[in-house]
Amino acid sequence: MTAKVGQTPVDELIRVRDWLRYAVTSMNRAGLAYGHGTTNAVDEAAYLILATLDLPIEDINPWLDCRLTLAEREAVNAVISRRIETRKPAAYITNAAYIQGHKFYVDERVIVPRSFIGELLVQDHLGTIVPAPLAVRRVLDLCTGSGCLAILAALAFPNAEIDASDISEDALAVARRNIADYGLETRIRTFKADLFEGLQPAEYDLIISNPPYVTAEAVAAFPPEYRAEPTLAHIGGVDGMDLVRRILDGAPGRLSAEGSLVVEIGMGQEALEATRPDLPFLWLDSETSEGEVFALQAVDLK
């Protein structure tokens, strides 16, 4: 059967598998970049199709032979076209990001969350350095962004009060929305602060942070998908470690005697260890990362 002149993808593509193939081909031809929840065109296309159809996002296979209504086909086509034409991350199009199955609202005011600390919080409650999760009473999340790590910390440490800070009021507005979505307003407080500057006096059993750590050179070479995120949430100076060094300098005055500091730094291990050879960094590996998150005890920082 030949296609009629003037037919569009909405006219010709009927089943989910048709749209998946079409989306992958279109994304590959457009040269899109990934890394905001997926790593390739197949997974990105599957996610966008499932999210648009209000289906579970874990597996597209059960739905491949389902026929779509005209309205559904138009909606899927619009989402695929938007992803390609705007080059915005899929998370901004669906206003949703996921860490270990936990869903968070996101928009262009915050970086799309993709933290390995989140994996560690969910998988074993940072058990390597926090042997007694129920004993944790106060946690600080620096550079909270969407608030995802503060929320995951509240879930991992049920007896803890969480302070979540960020220099961006826009980011804090998103964080407060997510905190409310999880019903954690009484346990998580938000503060506008430049790292430790602007926080109320307090000592913490745990400080976590996924700060900006991308080098200036890497930021300049970003593809459009990464440029769509707030630059403030990425840039960490010439070697990417500007904010990390400030965190190391300020943490000793904020940690309790038995407290711990956990910071994500991406690929900056070599630069950091060269800068602070005096510190016994413990590198925490997750299922999908190696050497990108370090931990230090309060006694190490004195």
Foldseek 3Di string as FASTA:
>chain_A
DDDDPPDDCLRVQWFQLSQLVVLQVVCVVLVAQDDLQDHHRNLQLLQLLCLQVVHDSPDCVVRGGPTDDSVSSVSSVVLSVCCSPQSAYSCQVSQWADDPRDIAGDHQLFDRDDDPVSLCCVPPNVCVQCVDLQPWAEEEEEQCQLVSNVVSSCVSRVNYAYEYEHQDPSSVVNNVVRCVVVPNPVRYHYFNADGCHRDDDAAGQEYEYAAAQAAPVVVVVDDSHNVSHDPRRHYQYHRSCNVVVVCLVPNLRHHDQFHKYKYFRAPNQVVVCVVCVQADWDWDDGPPDGRGMTMGTSVRSD
